[in-house]
Amino acid sequence: MGSSSVSVGRLIGRILVDWFFLAVIGVLIYVLYLNIVIYLLPVSWKNLLLSYDSVVRSAIIVTIGAVLVWDTGRRVGDYISRYDNVRGTVLKFVLDTVLIVAILIALAVTFEKFGLSVAAFSGTAVGIIVGLAAQQTLSNVIAGIVIIMTGRYKPGDRVTIINWRYGIIRVMYPHEGLPNGFTGTIRNITLMFTELVSDNGWVYTIPNYVMLDALLIHRNASPFKRIRARVDLPSSVDPWAFEERLRGSLIDGRIKDVKVKVGETWQSTNLYQAIIEVLADGKADGEEIKDRVLREAIRIRNEMSKQ
């Protein structure tokens, strides 16, 4: 409890120091601007620039305020993420949204100082720019808000992302049918992108609108896993006896059921192929279960072949 209090105290101290220095920087920038305008520029330029003094002040305040909100949100979000990654991510997202809304309001107030006609013209120009140039950006932001509000996924979830549109790769054994997607763990959700750490260690940055449109396979939330493996058996090994021994060897807390089917018989008539289907707990690692199944199958096959 004491260390947590110290950490909170340090966090507040750093935030206050940042606020103080940024406020000082803002004042110095404004004073420098006034000195340049009053003492270094011609009278004609001075009168013109001084008429826009309120706009300069608003620009400085908006800039400094944006930096303050962004820095404070980053520090507080990182601190909360140490204890609750989901809430930390949500807080960062909300603060980013508040920051954008505040900047837009400040710009609207600033435009209003020019008069109604200029404000209307500026609003029209901004609308055209948003409609043409920022359409994809707004799609990402809106998709991010929907993802956060609905809780479709959160940091720490292991998922497979499938798009466009939800195809299956048809390949030969041993992989059979595979979803055409990327599998990994969600690391972070920002206003624009979702970060995914793949099973191979790569970090993917995916636009939020793609994530909202994609089919997601939630790996940690699976109620069960069905795993298939194949092994060649000599014709002397009875498939019923093989199935019984394999079931008795594998069934435990993670593996619920085992079935063996005869898939193919080879032309030599000395071998046949056994298809092993395992029903496992949803939280079990599929590759680990498959490895265990094949090891046990090979061991039992060798023992039964010698009998």
C-alpha atoms as a PDB file:
ATOM      1  CA  MET A   1       0.000   0.000   0.000  1.00  0.00           C
ATOM      2  CA  GLY A   2       2.846   2.337   0.872  1.00  0.00           C
ATOM      3  CA  SER A   3       4.686   1.765  -2.408  1.00  0.00           C
ATOM      4  CA  SER A   4       1.460   2.369  -4.324  1.00  0.00           C
ATOM      5  CA  SER A   5       0.959   5.684  -2.515  1.00  0.00           C
ATOM      6  CA  VAL A   6       4.549   6.686  -3.322  1.00  0.00           C
ATOM      7  CA  SER A   7       3.986   5.846  -6.982  1.00  0.00           C
ATOM      8  CA  VAL A   8       0.801   7.915  -7.087  1.00  0.00           C
ATOM      9  CA  GLY A   9       2.630  10.806  -5.405  1.00  0.00           C
ATOM     10  CA  ARG A  10       5.438  10.650  -7.954  1.00  0.00           C
ATOM     11  CA  LEU A  11       2.923  10.530 -10.795  1.00  0.00           C
ATOM     12  CA  ILE A  12       1.084  13.615  -9.520  1.00  0.00           C
ATOM     13  CA  GLY A  13       4.400  15.406  -8.959  1.00  0.00           C
ATOM     14  CA  ARG A  14       5.571  14.720 -12.517  1.00  0.00           C
ATOM     15  CA  ILE A  15       2.246  15.867 -13.950  1.00  0.00           C
ATOM     16  CA  LEU A  16       2.337  19.132 -11.966  1.00  0.00           C
ATOM     17  CA  VAL A  17       5.942  19.785 -13.017  1.00  0.00           C
ATOM     18  CA  ASP A  18       5.011  19.191 -16.661  1.00  0.00           C
ATOM     19  CA  TRP A  19       2.063  21.558 -16.359  1.00  0.00           C
ATOM     20  CA  PHE A  20       4.233  24.264 -14.793  1.00  0.00           C
ATOM     21  CA  PHE A  21       6.974  24.070 -17.427  1.00  0.00           C
ATOM     22  CA  LEU A  22       4.522  23.976 -20.331  1.00  0.00           C
ATOM     23  CA  ALA A  23       2.652  26.985 -18.919  1.00  0.00           C
ATOM     24  CA  VAL A  24       5.955  28.856 -18.630  1.00  0.00           C
ATOM     25  CA  ILE A  25       6.853  27.878 -22.186  1.00  0.00           C
ATOM     26  CA  GLY A  26       3.478  29.147 -23.424  1.00  0.00           C
ATOM     27  CA  VAL A  27       3.943  32.506 -21.666  1.00  0.00           C
ATOM     28  CA  LEU A  28       7.493  32.870 -23.025  1.00  0.00           C
ATOM     29  CA  ILE A  29       6.315  32.135 -26.568  1.00  0.00           C
ATOM     30  CA  TYR A  30       3.592  34.777 -26.298  1.00  0.00           C
ATOM     31  CA  VAL A  31       5.979  37.373 -24.809  1.00  0.00           C
ATOM     32  CA  LEU A  32       8.511  36.633 -27.556  1.00  0.00           C
ATOM     33  CA  TYR A  33       5.818  37.061 -30.178  1.00  0.00           C
ATOM     34  CA  LEU A  34       4.781  40.436 -28.766  1.00  0.00           C
ATOM     35  CA  ASN A  35       8.366  41.698 -28.587  1.00  0.00           C
ATOM     36  CA  ILE A  36       9.050  40.682 -32.173  1.00  0.00           C
ATOM     37  CA  VAL A  37       5.851  42.346 -33.404  1.00  0.00           C
ATOM     38  CA  ILE A  38       6.259  45.565 -31.391  1.00  0.00           C
ATOM     39  CA  TYR A  39       9.988  46.181 -31.671  1.00  0.00           C
ATOM     40  CA  LEU A  40      11.228  44.435 -34.804  1.00  0.00           C
ATOM     41  CA  LEU A  41       8.488  44.689 -37.419  1.00  0.00           C
ATOM     42  CA  PRO A  42       7.336  47.762 -39.389  1.00  0.00           C
ATOM     43  CA  VAL A  43       4.305  49.692 -38.140  1.00  0.00           C
ATOM     44  CA  SER A  44       2.060  48.405 -40.921  1.00  0.00           C
ATOM     45  CA  TRP A  45       2.878  44.797 -40.059  1.00  0.00           C
ATOM     46  CA  LYS A  46       2.590  45.536 -36.337  1.00  0.00           C
ATOM     47  CA  ASN A  47      -0.948  46.888 -36.573  1.00  0.00           C
ATOM     48  CA  LEU A  48      -2.053  43.953 -38.710  1.00  0.00           C
ATOM     49  CA  LEU A  49      -0.563  41.278 -36.448  1.00  0.00           C
ATOM     50  CA  LEU A  50      -1.789  42.926 -33.255  1.00  0.00           C
ATOM     51  CA  SER A  51      -5.337  42.810 -34.629  1.00  0.00           C
ATOM     52  CA  TYR A  52      -4.974  39.003 -34.605  1.00  0.00           C
ATOM     53  CA  ASP A  53      -3.598  38.951 -31.063  1.00  0.00           C
ATOM     54  CA  SER A  54      -6.582  36.962 -29.712  1.00  0.00           C
ATOM     55  CA  VAL A  55      -6.083  34.325 -32.401  1.00  0.00           C
ATOM     56  CA  VAL A  56      -2.419  33.911 -31.455  1.00  0.00           C
ATOM     57  CA  ARG A  57      -3.341  33.555 -27.781  1.00  0.00           C
ATOM     58  CA  SER A  58      -5.985  30.965 -28.657  1.00  0.00           C
ATOM     59  CA  ALA A  59      -3.514  29.022 -30.804  1.00  0.00           C
ATOM     60  CA  ILE A  60      -0.938  28.964 -28.001  1.00  0.00           C
ATOM     61  CA  ILE A  61      -3.531  27.919 -25.407  1.00  0.00           C
ATOM     62  CA  VAL A  62      -4.921  25.170 -27.659  1.00  0.00           C
ATOM     63  CA  THR A  63      -1.437  23.828 -28.418  1.00  0.00           C
ATOM     64  CA  ILE A  64      -0.241  23.878 -24.813  1.00  0.00           C
ATOM     65  CA  GLY A  65      -3.545  22.436 -23.598  1.00  0.00           C
ATOM     66  CA  ALA A  66      -3.421  19.640 -26.159  1.00  0.00           C
ATOM     67  CA  VAL A  67       0.104  18.702 -25.111  1.00  0.00           C
ATOM     68  CA  LEU A  68      -0.909  18.791 -21.434  1.00  0.00           C
ATOM     69  CA  VAL A  69      -3.956  16.564 -21.943  1.00  0.00           C
ATOM     70  CA  TRP A  70      -2.020  14.119 -24.130  1.00  0.00           C
ATOM     71  CA  ASP A  71       0.919  13.888 -21.704  1.00  0.00           C
ATOM     72  CA  THR A  72      -1.333  13.573 -18.639  1.00  0.00           C
ATOM     73  CA  GLY A  73      -3.463  10.917 -20.300  1.00  0.00           C
ATOM     74  CA  ARG A  74      -0.371   8.962 -21.341  1.00  0.00           C
ATOM     75  CA  ARG A  75       1.118   9.012 -17.854  1.00  0.00           C
ATOM     76  CA  VAL A  76      -2.136   8.153 -16.058  1.00  0.00           C
ATOM     77  CA  GLY A  77      -3.011   5.475 -18.607  1.00  0.00           C
ATOM     78  CA  ASP A  78       0.416   3.840 -18.310  1.00  0.00           C
ATOM     79  CA  TYR A  79       0.134   3.869 -14.525  1.00  0.00           C
ATOM     80  CA  ILE A  80      -3.317   2.252 -14.518  1.00  0.00           C
ATOM     81  CA  SER A  81      -2.203  -0.294 -17.133  1.00  0.00           C
ATOM     82  CA  ARG A  82       0.258  -1.743 -14.614  1.00  0.00           C
ATOM     83  CA  TYR A  83      -2.712  -2.981 -12.569  1.00  0.00           C
ATOM     84  CA  ASP A  84      -5.529  -3.204 -15.134  1.00  0.00           C
ATOM     85  CA  ASN A  85      -4.507  -3.171 -18.786  1.00  0.00           C
ATOM     86  CA  VAL A  86      -8.088  -2.935 -20.034  1.00  0.00           C
ATOM     87  CA  ARG A  87      -9.021   0.139 -17.964  1.00  0.00           C
ATOM     88  CA  GLY A  88      -5.715   1.796 -18.812  1.00  0.00           C
ATOM     89  CA  THR A  89      -6.379   1.356 -22.524  1.00  0.00           C
ATOM     90  CA  VAL A  90      -9.957   2.630 -22.200  1.00  0.00           C
ATOM     91  CA  LEU A  91      -8.762   5.697 -20.275  1.00  0.00           C
ATOM     92  CA  LYS A  92      -6.183   6.540 -22.962  1.00  0.00           C
ATOM     93  CA  PHE A  93      -8.847   6.152 -25.607  1.00  0.00           C
ATOM     94  CA  VAL A  94     -11.331   8.408 -23.791  1.00  0.00           C
ATOM     95  CA  LEU A  95      -8.710  11.103 -23.152  1.00  0.00           C
ATOM     96  CA  ASP A  96      -7.658  11.065 -26.819  1.00  0.00           C
ATOM     97  CA  THR A  97     -11.297  11.537 -27.803  1.00  0.00           C
ATOM     98  CA  VAL A  98     -11.729  14.397 -25.311  1.00  0.00           C
ATOM     99  CA  LEU A  99      -8.555  15.989 -26.652  1.00  0.00           C
ATOM    100  CA  ILE A 100      -9.835  15.985 -30.238  1.00  0.00           C
ATOM    101  CA  VAL A 101     -13.252  17.343 -29.223  1.00  0.00           C
ATOM    102  CA  ALA A 102     -11.648  20.101 -27.133  1.00  0.00           C
ATOM    103  CA  ILE A 103      -9.389  21.149 -30.014  1.00  0.00           C
ATOM    104  CA  LEU A 104     -12.354  21.294 -32.402  1.00  0.00           C
ATOM    105  CA  ILE A 105     -14.338  23.437 -29.939  1.00  0.00           C
ATOM    106  CA  ALA A 106     -11.383  25.771 -29.431  1.00  0.00           C
ATOM    107  CA  LEU A 107     -10.938  26.150 -33.186  1.00  0.00           C
ATOM    108  CA  ALA A 108     -14.646  26.878 -33.589  1.00  0.00           C
ATOM    109  CA  VAL A 109     -14.455  29.608 -30.919  1.00  0.00           C
ATOM    110  CA  THR A 110     -11.376  31.061 -32.595  1.00  0.00           C
ATOM    111  CA  PHE A 111     -13.052  31.139 -36.019  1.00  0.00           C
ATOM    112  CA  GLU A 112     -16.048  32.890 -34.481  1.00  0.00           C
ATOM    113  CA  LYS A 113     -13.840  35.871 -33.626  1.00  0.00           C
ATOM    114  CA  PHE A 114     -13.417  36.563 -37.348  1.00  0.00           C
ATOM    115  CA  GLY A 115     -17.135  37.095 -37.822  1.00  0.00           C
ATOM    116  CA  LEU A 116     -20.022  34.956 -39.017  1.00  0.00           C
ATOM    117  CA  SER A 117     -19.108  34.929 -42.714  1.00  0.00           C
ATOM    118  CA  VAL A 118     -15.521  33.841 -42.095  1.00  0.00           C
ATOM    119  CA  ALA A 119     -16.671  31.259 -39.562  1.00  0.00           C
ATOM    120  CA  ALA A 120     -19.193  29.846 -42.053  1.00  0.00           C
ATOM    121  CA  PHE A 121     -16.584  29.741 -44.794  1.00  0.00           C
ATOM    122  CA  SER A 122     -14.097  28.064 -42.469  1.00  0.00           C
ATOM    123  CA  GLY A 123     -16.706  25.502 -41.404  1.00  0.00           C
ATOM    124  CA  THR A 124     -17.463  24.719 -45.035  1.00  0.00           C
ATOM    125  CA  ALA A 125     -13.769  24.348 -45.841  1.00  0.00           C
ATOM    126  CA  VAL A 126     -13.200  22.097 -42.833  1.00  0.00           C
ATOM    127  CA  GLY A 127     -16.225  19.998 -43.830  1.00  0.00           C
ATOM    128  CA  ILE A 128     -14.852  19.512 -47.338  1.00  0.00           C
ATOM    129  CA  ILE A 129     -11.424  18.576 -45.993  1.00  0.00           C
ATOM    130  CA  VAL A 130     -12.917  16.102 -43.530  1.00  0.00           C
ATOM    131  CA  GLY A 131     -15.149  14.600 -46.191  1.00  0.00           C
ATOM    132  CA  LEU A 132     -12.370  14.138 -48.751  1.00  0.00           C
ATOM    133  CA  ALA A 133      -9.127  13.733 -46.853  1.00  0.00           C
ATOM    134  CA  ALA A 134     -10.087  12.462 -43.410  1.00  0.00           C
ATOM    135  CA  GLN A 135     -12.779   9.937 -44.263  1.00  0.00           C
ATOM    136  CA  GLN A 136     -10.543   6.973 -43.445  1.00  0.00           C
ATOM    137  CA  THR A 137      -9.385   8.619 -40.228  1.00  0.00           C
ATOM    138  CA  LEU A 138     -12.953   9.154 -39.037  1.00  0.00           C
ATOM    139  CA  SER A 139     -13.777   5.562 -39.936  1.00  0.00           C
ATOM    140  CA  ASN A 140     -10.936   4.402 -37.693  1.00  0.00           C
ATOM    141  CA  VAL A 141     -12.013   6.664 -34.831  1.00  0.00           C
ATOM    142  CA  ILE A 142     -15.670   5.628 -35.007  1.00  0.00           C
ATOM    143  CA  ALA A 143     -14.692   1.960 -35.280  1.00  0.00           C
ATOM    144  CA  GLY A 144     -12.404   2.364 -32.266  1.00  0.00           C
ATOM    145  CA  ILE A 145     -15.229   3.861 -30.211  1.00  0.00           C
ATOM    146  CA  VAL A 146     -17.533   0.979 -31.171  1.00  0.00           C
ATOM    147  CA  ILE A 147     -14.862  -1.601 -30.293  1.00  0.00           C
ATOM    148  CA  ILE A 148     -14.223  -0.036 -26.887  1.00  0.00           C
ATOM    149  CA  MET A 149     -17.926   0.445 -26.054  1.00  0.00           C
ATOM    150  CA  THR A 150     -19.000  -3.062 -27.120  1.00  0.00           C
ATOM    151  CA  GLY A 151     -15.965  -4.820 -25.643  1.00  0.00           C
ATOM    152  CA  ARG A 152     -15.539  -6.889 -28.794  1.00  0.00           C
ATOM    153  CA  TYR A 153     -11.973  -7.623 -27.704  1.00  0.00           C
ATOM    154  CA  LYS A 154      -9.572  -6.240 -25.139  1.00  0.00           C
ATOM    155  CA  PRO A 155      -5.828  -6.260 -24.395  1.00  0.00           C
ATOM    156  CA  GLY A 156      -4.683  -9.735 -23.466  1.00  0.00           C
ATOM    157  CA  ASP A 157      -7.169 -11.558 -25.717  1.00  0.00           C
ATOM    158  CA  ARG A 158      -5.664 -14.116 -28.091  1.00  0.00           C
ATOM    159  CA  VAL A 159      -7.511 -13.929 -31.401  1.00  0.00           C
ATOM    160  CA  THR A 160      -7.326 -14.903 -35.053  1.00  0.00           C
ATOM    161  CA  ILE A 161      -8.245 -12.079 -37.458  1.00  0.00           C
ATOM    162  CA  ILE A 162      -9.857 -13.159 -40.744  1.00  0.00           C
ATOM    163  CA  ASN A 163     -10.683 -10.846 -43.637  1.00  0.00           C
ATOM    164  CA  TRP A 164     -11.664 -10.544 -46.697  1.00  0.00           C
ATOM    165  CA  ARG A 165     -14.287 -12.119 -46.556  1.00  0.00           C
ATOM    166  CA  TYR A 166     -13.691 -14.938 -44.144  1.00  0.00           C
ATOM    167  CA  GLY A 167     -11.987 -17.445 -46.444  1.00  0.00           C
ATOM    168  CA  ILE A 168     -10.598 -20.874 -45.644  1.00  0.00           C
ATOM    169  CA  ILE A 169      -7.264 -22.064 -47.052  1.00  0.00           C
ATOM    170  CA  ARG A 170      -7.749 -25.510 -48.538  1.00  0.00           C
ATOM    171  CA  VAL A 171      -4.482 -27.355 -48.080  1.00  0.00           C
ATOM    172  CA  MET A 172      -3.457 -30.983 -47.893  1.00  0.00           C
ATOM    173  CA  TYR A 173      -2.771 -32.957 -44.752  1.00  0.00           C
ATOM    174  CA  PRO A 174      -1.375 -32.318 -42.163  1.00  0.00           C
ATOM    175  CA  HIS A 175      -2.978 -28.855 -42.060  1.00  0.00           C
ATOM    176  CA  GLU A 176      -6.280 -29.660 -43.835  1.00  0.00           C
ATOM    177  CA  GLY A 177      -8.593 -26.603 -43.762  1.00  0.00           C
ATOM    178  CA  LEU A 178      -7.137 -23.482 -42.119  1.00  0.00           C
ATOM    179  CA  PRO A 179      -8.679 -20.027 -41.604  1.00  0.00           C
ATOM    180  CA  ASN A 180      -6.875 -17.457 -43.724  1.00  0.00           C
ATOM    181  CA  GLY A 181      -5.936 -15.053 -40.939  1.00  0.00           C
ATOM    182  CA  PHE A 182      -3.435 -13.740 -38.408  1.00  0.00           C
ATOM    183  CA  THR A 183      -3.240 -15.142 -34.880  1.00  0.00           C
ATOM    184  CA  GLY A 184      -1.814 -13.306 -31.901  1.00  0.00           C
ATOM    185  CA  THR A 185      -2.497 -11.453 -28.651  1.00  0.00           C
ATOM    186  CA  ILE A 186      -4.062  -7.977 -28.490  1.00  0.00           C
ATOM    187  CA  ARG A 187      -1.516  -5.608 -26.936  1.00  0.00           C
ATOM    188  CA  ASN A 188      -3.145  -2.202 -27.191  1.00  0.00           C
ATOM    189  CA  ILE A 189      -6.178  -0.362 -28.597  1.00  0.00           C
ATOM    190  CA  THR A 190      -5.668   3.291 -29.564  1.00  0.00           C
ATOM    191  CA  LEU A 191      -7.917   5.887 -31.148  1.00  0.00           C
ATOM    192  CA  MET A 192      -6.823   4.802 -34.630  1.00  0.00           C
ATOM    193  CA  PHE A 193      -5.213   1.374 -34.491  1.00  0.00           C
ATOM    194  CA  THR A 194      -5.132  -1.967 -32.700  1.00  0.00           C
ATOM    195  CA  GLU A 195      -1.754  -3.543 -31.903  1.00  0.00           C
ATOM    196  CA  LEU A 196      -1.478  -7.325 -32.173  1.00  0.00           C
ATOM    197  CA  VAL A 197       1.569  -9.375 -31.151  1.00  0.00           C
ATOM    198  CA  SER A 198       1.627 -12.452 -33.399  1.00  0.00           C
ATOM    199  CA  ASP A 199       2.564 -15.918 -32.183  1.00  0.00           C
ATOM    200  CA  ASN A 200       5.880 -15.440 -34.026  1.00  0.00           C
ATOM    201  CA  GLY A 201       6.649 -12.246 -32.102  1.00  0.00           C
ATOM    202  CA  TRP A 202       5.801  -9.737 -34.851  1.00  0.00           C
ATOM    203  CA  VAL A 203       3.854  -6.610 -33.864  1.00  0.00           C
ATOM    204  CA  TYR A 204       0.977  -5.805 -36.249  1.00  0.00           C
ATOM    205  CA  THR A 205      -0.650  -2.355 -36.311  1.00  0.00           C
ATOM    206  CA  ILE A 206      -4.143  -2.814 -37.743  1.00  0.00           C
ATOM    207  CA  PRO A 207      -6.631  -0.001 -38.539  1.00  0.00           C
ATOM    208  CA  ASN A 208      -9.663  -0.145 -36.278  1.00  0.00           C
ATOM    209  CA  TYR A 209     -12.145  -0.161 -39.165  1.00  0.00           C
ATOM    210  CA  VAL A 210     -10.494  -3.375 -40.439  1.00  0.00           C
ATOM    211  CA  MET A 211     -10.808  -4.941 -36.983  1.00  0.00           C
ATOM    212  CA  LEU A 212     -14.476  -3.964 -36.775  1.00  0.00           C
ATOM    213  CA  ASP A 213     -15.157  -5.504 -40.175  1.00  0.00           C
ATOM    214  CA  ALA A 214     -13.132  -8.685 -39.588  1.00  0.00           C
ATOM    215  CA  LEU A 215     -14.216 -12.079 -38.340  1.00  0.00           C
ATOM    216  CA  LEU A 216     -12.525 -12.746 -34.988  1.00  0.00           C
ATOM    217  CA  ILE A 217     -11.833 -16.175 -33.575  1.00  0.00           C
ATOM    218  CA  HIS A 218     -11.435 -15.771 -29.798  1.00  0.00           C
ATOM    219  CA  ARG A 219      -8.867 -18.369 -28.864  1.00  0.00           C
ATOM    220  CA  ASN A 220      -9.061 -17.959 -25.050  1.00  0.00           C
ATOM    221  CA  ALA A 221     -12.876 -18.037 -25.022  1.00  0.00           C
ATOM    222  CA  SER A 222     -13.309 -21.361 -26.864  1.00  0.00           C
ATOM    223  CA  PRO A 223     -15.659 -23.756 -24.966  1.00  0.00           C
ATOM    224  CA  PHE A 224     -13.714 -26.707 -26.423  1.00  0.00           C
ATOM    225  CA  LYS A 225     -11.066 -27.585 -28.997  1.00  0.00           C
ATOM    226  CA  ARG A 226     -11.304 -30.399 -31.539  1.00  0.00           C
ATOM    227  CA  ILE A 227      -7.860 -31.565 -32.643  1.00  0.00           C
ATOM    228  CA  ARG A 228      -7.100 -34.005 -35.442  1.00  0.00           C
ATOM    229  CA  ALA A 229      -3.948 -36.038 -36.002  1.00  0.00           C
ATOM    230  CA  ARG A 230      -3.066 -38.906 -38.310  1.00  0.00           C
ATOM    231  CA  VAL A 231      -0.727 -41.837 -37.937  1.00  0.00           C
ATOM    232  CA  ASP A 232       0.033 -44.901 -40.095  1.00  0.00           C
ATOM    233  CA  LEU A 233      -0.563 -48.252 -38.428  1.00  0.00           C
ATOM    234  CA  PRO A 234       0.432 -51.757 -39.534  1.00  0.00           C
ATOM    235  CA  SER A 235      -2.494 -53.973 -40.555  1.00  0.00           C
ATOM    236  CA  SER A 236      -1.715 -56.273 -37.637  1.00  0.00           C
ATOM    237  CA  VAL A 237      -2.812 -53.583 -35.144  1.00  0.00           C
ATOM    238  CA  ASP A 238      -6.537 -53.798 -34.431  1.00  0.00           C
ATOM    239  CA  PRO A 239      -8.036 -50.240 -34.710  1.00  0.00           C
ATOM    240  CA  TRP A 240     -10.557 -50.968 -31.937  1.00  0.00           C
ATOM    241  CA  ALA A 241      -7.842 -52.083 -29.522  1.00  0.00           C
ATOM    242  CA  PHE A 242      -5.639 -49.167 -30.577  1.00  0.00           C
ATOM    243  CA  GLU A 243      -8.499 -46.710 -29.895  1.00  0.00           C
ATOM    244  CA  GLU A 244      -9.176 -48.217 -26.476  1.00  0.00           C
ATOM    245  CA  ARG A 245      -5.552 -48.021 -25.365  1.00  0.00           C
ATOM    246  CA  LEU A 246      -5.097 -44.508 -26.730  1.00  0.00           C
ATOM    247  CA  ARG A 247      -8.258 -43.299 -24.994  1.00  0.00           C
ATOM    248  CA  GLY A 248      -7.145 -44.742 -21.670  1.00  0.00           C
ATOM    249  CA  SER A 249      -3.738 -43.119 -22.035  1.00  0.00           C
ATOM    250  CA  LEU A 250      -4.912 -39.633 -23.046  1.00  0.00           C
ATOM    251  CA  ILE A 251      -8.162 -38.813 -21.237  1.00  0.00           C
ATOM    252  CA  ASP A 252      -7.530 -36.497 -18.284  1.00  0.00           C
ATOM    253  CA  GLY A 253      -8.643 -33.056 -17.105  1.00  0.00           C
ATOM    254  CA  ARG A 254      -7.763 -31.403 -20.419  1.00  0.00           C
ATOM    255  CA  ILE A 255      -8.646 -34.176 -22.905  1.00  0.00           C
ATOM    256  CA  LYS A 256     -12.335 -35.180 -22.684  1.00  0.00           C
ATOM    257  CA  ASP A 257     -12.726 -37.767 -25.427  1.00  0.00           C
ATOM    258  CA  VAL A 258     -10.706 -39.653 -28.066  1.00  0.00           C
ATOM    259  CA  LYS A 259     -11.983 -41.295 -31.249  1.00  0.00           C
ATOM    260  CA  VAL A 260     -10.065 -43.197 -33.921  1.00  0.00           C
ATOM    261  CA  LYS A 261     -11.291 -43.545 -37.519  1.00  0.00           C
ATOM    262  CA  VAL A 262      -9.728 -45.527 -40.332  1.00  0.00           C
ATOM    263  CA  GLY A 263      -9.018 -43.050 -43.122  1.00  0.00           C
ATOM    264  CA  GLU A 264      -7.140 -44.885 -45.861  1.00  0.00           C
ATOM    265  CA  THR A 265      -5.682 -48.314 -46.598  1.00  0.00           C
ATOM    266  CA  TRP A 266      -2.551 -48.474 -48.711  1.00  0.00           C
ATOM    267  CA  GLN A 267      -2.069 -50.658 -51.783  1.00  0.00           C
ATOM    268  CA  SER A 268       0.475 -52.833 -50.031  1.00  0.00           C
ATOM    269  CA  THR A 269      -2.278 -53.867 -47.554  1.00  0.00           C
ATOM    270  CA  ASN A 270       0.371 -53.751 -44.832  1.00  0.00           C
ATOM    271  CA  LEU A 271      -0.612 -50.303 -43.552  1.00  0.00           C
ATOM    272  CA  TYR A 272      -3.698 -48.244 -42.903  1.00  0.00           C
ATOM    273  CA  GLN A 273      -4.087 -44.649 -41.789  1.00  0.00           C
ATOM    274  CA  ALA A 274      -5.755 -43.850 -38.459  1.00  0.00           C
ATOM    275  CA  ILE A 275      -7.401 -40.451 -38.000  1.00  0.00           C
ATOM    276  CA  ILE A 276      -7.358 -39.499 -34.326  1.00  0.00           C
ATOM    277  CA  GLU A 277      -9.953 -36.938 -33.181  1.00  0.00           C
ATOM    278  CA  VAL A 278      -9.470 -35.441 -29.721  1.00  0.00           C
ATOM    279  CA  LEU A 279     -11.975 -33.287 -27.842  1.00  0.00           C
ATOM    280  CA  ALA A 280     -10.006 -31.042 -25.465  1.00  0.00           C
ATOM    281  CA  ASP A 281     -10.722 -28.233 -23.029  1.00  0.00           C
ATOM    282  CA  GLY A 282     -11.085 -24.812 -24.675  1.00  0.00           C
ATOM    283  CA  LYS A 283      -8.201 -23.332 -22.682  1.00  0.00           C
ATOM    284  CA  ALA A 284      -5.763 -26.066 -23.682  1.00  0.00           C
ATOM    285  CA  ASP A 285      -2.981 -25.316 -26.179  1.00  0.00           C
ATOM    286  CA  GLY A 286      -3.885 -27.047 -29.443  1.00  0.00           C
ATOM    287  CA  GLU A 287      -0.296 -27.630 -30.582  1.00  0.00           C
ATOM    288  CA  GLU A 288       0.677 -29.043 -27.197  1.00  0.00           C
ATOM    289  CA  ILE A 289      -2.301 -31.432 -27.216  1.00  0.00           C
ATOM    290  CA  LYS A 290      -1.521 -32.574 -30.773  1.00  0.00           C
ATOM    291  CA  ASP A 291       2.110 -33.218 -29.833  1.00  0.00           C
ATOM    292  CA  ARG A 292       1.028 -35.361 -26.878  1.00  0.00           C
ATOM    293  CA  VAL A 293      -1.504 -37.279 -28.979  1.00  0.00           C
ATOM    294  CA  LEU A 294       1.083 -38.167 -31.626  1.00  0.00           C
ATOM    295  CA  ARG A 295       3.709 -39.172 -29.066  1.00  0.00           C
ATOM    296  CA  GLU A 296       1.255 -41.488 -27.305  1.00  0.00           C
ATOM    297  CA  ALA A 297      -0.019 -42.878 -30.613  1.00  0.00           C
ATOM    298  CA  ILE A 298       3.501 -43.725 -31.779  1.00  0.00           C
ATOM    299  CA  ARG A 299       4.370 -45.329 -28.442  1.00  0.00           C
ATOM    300  CA  ILE A 300       1.226 -47.489 -28.413  1.00  0.00           C
ATOM    301  CA  ARG A 301       1.689 -48.407 -32.080  1.00  0.00           C
ATOM    302  CA  ASN A 302       5.239 -49.616 -31.397  1.00  0.00           C
ATOM    303  CA  GLU A 303       4.134 -51.652 -28.387  1.00  0.00           C
ATOM    304  CA  MET A 304       1.203 -53.268 -30.212  1.00  0.00           C
ATOM    305  CA  SER A 305       3.326 -54.010 -33.279  1.00  0.00           C
ATOM    306  CA  LYS A 306       5.677 -56.157 -31.173  1.00  0.00           C
ATOM    307  CA  GLN A 307       2.888 -58.228 -29.678  1.00  0.00           C
END
